[in-house]
Amino acid sequence: MDPRPLFQALDALCQDNMCYFRVSGSDAGARLVLALSRIQEQTRGLEPSLRALAAVCPLFDLDSHTPANGYRSLLKVVMSCAQHILHKCRYITASRRSLFFRAVHNCLELEAYGAALTQLRALLCFAQRLLTANQHGDLFFRQERGLSEEFLREYSTMHKGCFYGRCLGFQVRPLLHTCVPPHSPR
């Protein structure tokens, strides 16, 4: 999947909402502008990395009939996060003039997903480092020391809390909704 249309739409919506809330003068409006600006910054850095990783993903598939590996999973999670942010930005654009629009709630959502996107970008950068450090076509790092230890150190310092709370299960949420019987409360 080419990420450009998604990121172009997201960039345009972020820009539109930033222009709208910049003149609001409220604290929530200022926080929304900051959250949207951070999301724009992350997505602009993500797009080239996603395309580069997508180009090499087929090298690590189990076989030609099973297009699956950890790099593909990472790409899907990043795209899922970006799509969720896109849906939230569309909702904000459509309802920001409504009397019932909750600016603080939507700001908290964007801040949470922006933090998740930041951590996913860090994981994506590390995945690219693994690809360049490994021999061509090798999935696993062969050395005992060095990058493996660095990866564990870096992983232990990553902020993982952003994937809980508001962002919990964002990558599987549509799948879970189809598993819930229609008469059960969601």
Protein backbone atom coordinates (compact mmCIF):
# COMPACT_ATOMS: atom_id res chain seq x y z
CA MET A 1 0.00 0.00 0.00
CA ASP A 2 1.33 3.41 -0.97
CA PRO A 3 1.25 5.63 2.15
CA ARG A 4 1.36 8.91 0.21
CA PRO A 5 -2.41 9.45 -0.20
CA LEU A 6 -2.99 8.75 3.48
CA PHE A 7 -0.26 11.12 4.60
CA GLN A 8 -1.28 13.82 2.13
CA ALA A 9 -4.87 13.71 3.40
CA LEU A 10 -3.65 13.71 6.98
CA ASP A 11 -1.35 16.66 6.35
CA ALA A 12 -4.16 18.66 4.73
CA LEU A 13 -6.58 17.94 7.58
CA CYS A 14 -3.97 18.80 10.21
CA GLN A 15 -3.25 22.08 8.42
CA ASP A 16 -6.95 22.94 8.13
CA ASN A 17 -7.62 22.18 11.80
CA MET A 18 -4.51 24.07 12.90
CA CYS A 19 -5.68 27.16 11.01
CA TYR A 20 -9.13 26.88 12.60
CA PHE A 21 -7.96 26.38 16.20
CA ARG A 22 -5.05 28.81 16.01
CA VAL A 23 -7.49 31.72 16.13
CA SER A 24 -9.74 30.22 18.82
CA GLY A 25 -7.76 31.74 21.69
CA SER A 26 -8.62 28.86 24.05
CA ASP A 27 -6.17 26.65 25.91
CA ALA A 28 -7.70 23.55 24.31
CA GLY A 29 -7.34 25.17 20.89
CA ALA A 30 -3.66 25.90 21.52
CA ARG A 31 -3.11 22.31 22.68
CA LEU A 32 -4.89 21.00 19.58
CA VAL A 33 -2.64 23.10 17.36
CA LEU A 34 0.44 21.75 19.14
CA ALA A 35 -0.78 18.13 18.91
CA LEU A 36 -1.60 18.52 15.20
CA SER A 37 1.77 20.14 14.55
CA ARG A 38 3.57 17.24 16.23
CA ILE A 39 1.56 14.74 14.20
CA GLN A 40 2.48 16.57 11.00
CA GLU A 41 6.14 16.50 11.97
CA GLN A 42 6.03 12.76 12.67
CA THR A 43 4.12 11.84 9.51
CA ARG A 44 6.47 13.84 7.30
CA GLY A 45 9.36 11.83 8.70
CA LEU A 46 7.49 8.53 8.52
CA GLU A 47 6.46 8.45 4.89
CA PRO A 48 9.91 7.95 3.30
CA SER A 49 10.81 5.33 5.93
CA LEU A 50 7.58 3.43 5.30
CA ARG A 51 8.18 3.33 1.55
CA ALA A 52 11.76 2.17 2.02
CA LEU A 53 10.77 -0.60 4.43
CA ALA A 54 7.84 -1.68 2.25
CA ALA A 55 10.25 -2.15 -0.65
CA VAL A 56 12.33 -4.74 1.25
CA CYS A 57 9.52 -6.52 3.11
CA PRO A 58 9.09 -9.20 0.42
CA LEU A 59 12.66 -10.38 1.08
CA PHE A 60 11.60 -11.66 4.49
CA ASP A 61 8.27 -13.32 3.68
CA LEU A 62 7.90 -16.96 4.58
CA ASP A 63 7.21 -17.78 0.93
CA SER A 64 5.49 -16.23 -2.10
CA HIS A 65 2.06 -17.37 -0.84
CA THR A 66 2.59 -16.06 2.71
CA PRO A 67 3.37 -12.34 2.65
CA ALA A 68 4.00 -12.00 6.38
CA ASN A 69 6.90 -11.02 8.60
CA GLY A 70 7.67 -8.68 11.47
CA TYR A 71 8.56 -5.80 9.17
CA ARG A 72 5.16 -6.07 7.48
CA SER A 73 3.51 -6.15 10.90
CA LEU A 74 5.31 -2.97 11.89
CA LEU A 75 4.20 -1.28 8.68
CA LYS A 76 0.59 -2.31 9.27
CA VAL A 77 0.64 -1.01 12.85
CA VAL A 78 2.09 2.34 11.74
CA MET A 79 -0.50 2.63 8.97
CA SER A 80 -3.27 1.69 11.39
CA CYS A 81 -2.18 4.43 13.79
CA ALA A 82 -2.04 6.99 10.97
CA GLN A 83 -5.48 5.91 9.74
CA HIS A 84 -6.91 6.31 13.22
CA ILE A 85 -5.46 9.82 13.42
CA LEU A 86 -6.92 10.57 9.98
CA HIS A 87 -10.39 9.48 11.14
CA LYS A 88 -10.06 11.61 14.28
CA CYS A 89 -8.97 14.64 12.21
CA ARG A 90 -11.94 14.15 9.87
CA TYR A 91 -14.26 13.99 12.87
CA ILE A 92 -12.75 17.17 14.31
CA THR A 93 -13.11 18.98 10.97
CA ALA A 94 -16.74 17.90 10.63
CA SER A 95 -17.83 18.66 14.19
CA ARG A 96 -15.60 21.46 15.48
CA ARG A 97 -18.35 24.08 15.05
CA SER A 98 -20.91 21.98 16.90
CA LEU A 99 -22.15 23.06 20.30
CA PHE A 100 -21.40 19.54 21.55
CA PHE A 101 -17.81 19.42 20.29
CA ARG A 102 -15.50 18.45 23.14
CA ALA A 103 -12.20 20.12 22.33
CA VAL A 104 -10.36 18.79 25.40
CA HIS A 105 -11.44 15.20 24.75
CA ASN A 106 -10.35 15.37 21.10
CA CYS A 107 -7.12 17.04 22.12
CA LEU A 108 -6.35 14.19 24.53
CA GLU A 109 -7.04 11.69 21.76
CA LEU A 110 -4.69 13.43 19.33
CA GLU A 111 -1.99 13.81 21.96
CA ALA A 112 -2.20 10.09 22.81
CA TYR A 113 -2.07 8.94 19.21
CA GLY A 114 0.66 11.46 18.42
CA ALA A 115 2.77 9.94 21.22
CA ALA A 116 2.10 6.44 19.85
CA LEU A 117 3.09 7.60 16.37
CA THR A 118 6.33 9.03 17.76
CA GLN A 119 7.24 5.70 19.36
CA LEU A 120 6.29 3.81 16.20
CA ARG A 121 8.56 6.10 14.22
CA ALA A 122 11.39 5.25 16.61
CA LEU A 123 10.69 1.53 16.10
CA LEU A 124 10.63 2.04 12.35
CA CYS A 125 14.00 3.79 12.45
CA PHE A 126 15.43 0.95 14.48
CA ALA A 127 14.01 -1.60 12.03
CA GLN A 128 15.82 0.24 9.25
CA ARG A 129 19.05 0.15 11.25
CA LEU A 130 18.65 -3.60 11.68
CA LEU A 131 18.15 -3.99 7.95
CA THR A 132 21.30 -2.08 7.11
CA ALA A 133 23.37 -3.86 9.78
CA ASN A 134 22.33 -7.36 8.70
CA GLN A 135 23.68 -9.11 5.67
CA HIS A 136 21.40 -8.78 2.65
CA GLY A 137 18.34 -10.99 3.13
CA ASP A 138 19.16 -12.04 6.71
CA LEU A 139 16.27 -11.57 9.09
CA PHE A 140 18.22 -12.12 12.30
CA PHE A 141 21.25 -10.23 13.55
CA ARG A 142 24.20 -12.62 13.68
CA GLN A 143 26.57 -10.94 16.14
CA GLU A 144 26.45 -11.67 19.86
CA ARG A 145 27.23 -8.11 20.94
CA GLY A 146 26.79 -4.65 19.54
CA LEU A 147 23.47 -3.94 17.87
CA SER A 148 21.56 -6.61 19.83
CA GLU A 149 22.59 -5.06 23.14
CA GLU A 150 21.92 -1.58 21.81
CA PHE A 151 18.47 -2.68 20.68
CA LEU A 152 17.64 -4.04 24.15
CA ARG A 153 18.92 -0.85 25.80
CA GLU A 154 16.95 1.35 23.45
CA TYR A 155 13.80 -0.75 23.79
CA SER A 156 13.96 -0.62 27.58
CA THR A 157 14.07 3.19 27.50
CA MET A 158 11.15 3.57 25.07
CA HIS A 159 7.92 5.00 26.41
CA LYS A 160 5.46 2.11 26.12
CA GLY A 161 2.64 3.66 28.14
CA CYS A 162 1.38 5.49 25.05
CA PHE A 163 0.13 2.16 23.68
CA TYR A 164 -2.24 1.70 26.60
CA GLY A 165 -5.23 3.76 27.70
CA ARG A 166 -6.68 5.66 24.77
CA CYS A 167 -4.53 3.81 22.24
CA LEU A 168 -5.06 0.30 23.58
CA GLY A 169 -5.62 -2.10 20.70
CA PHE A 170 -5.89 0.54 17.98
CA GLN A 171 -4.28 -1.86 15.50
CA VAL A 172 -6.98 -4.52 16.02
CA ARG A 173 -9.98 -2.45 17.04
CA PRO A 174 -12.01 -2.94 13.79
CA LEU A 175 -11.41 -6.69 13.99
CA LEU A 176 -12.60 -6.81 17.58
CA HIS A 177 -15.78 -4.94 16.76
CA THR A 178 -16.78 -7.62 14.28
CA CYS A 179 -16.31 -10.32 16.96
CA VAL A 180 -18.73 -8.72 19.41
CA PRO A 181 -22.27 -10.13 19.08
CA PRO A 182 -24.79 -7.45 18.00
CA HIS A 183 -26.82 -7.66 21.23
CA SER A 184 -23.76 -7.16 23.49
CA PRO A 185 -22.87 -3.67 24.73
CA ARG A 186 -19.65 -2.23 23.36
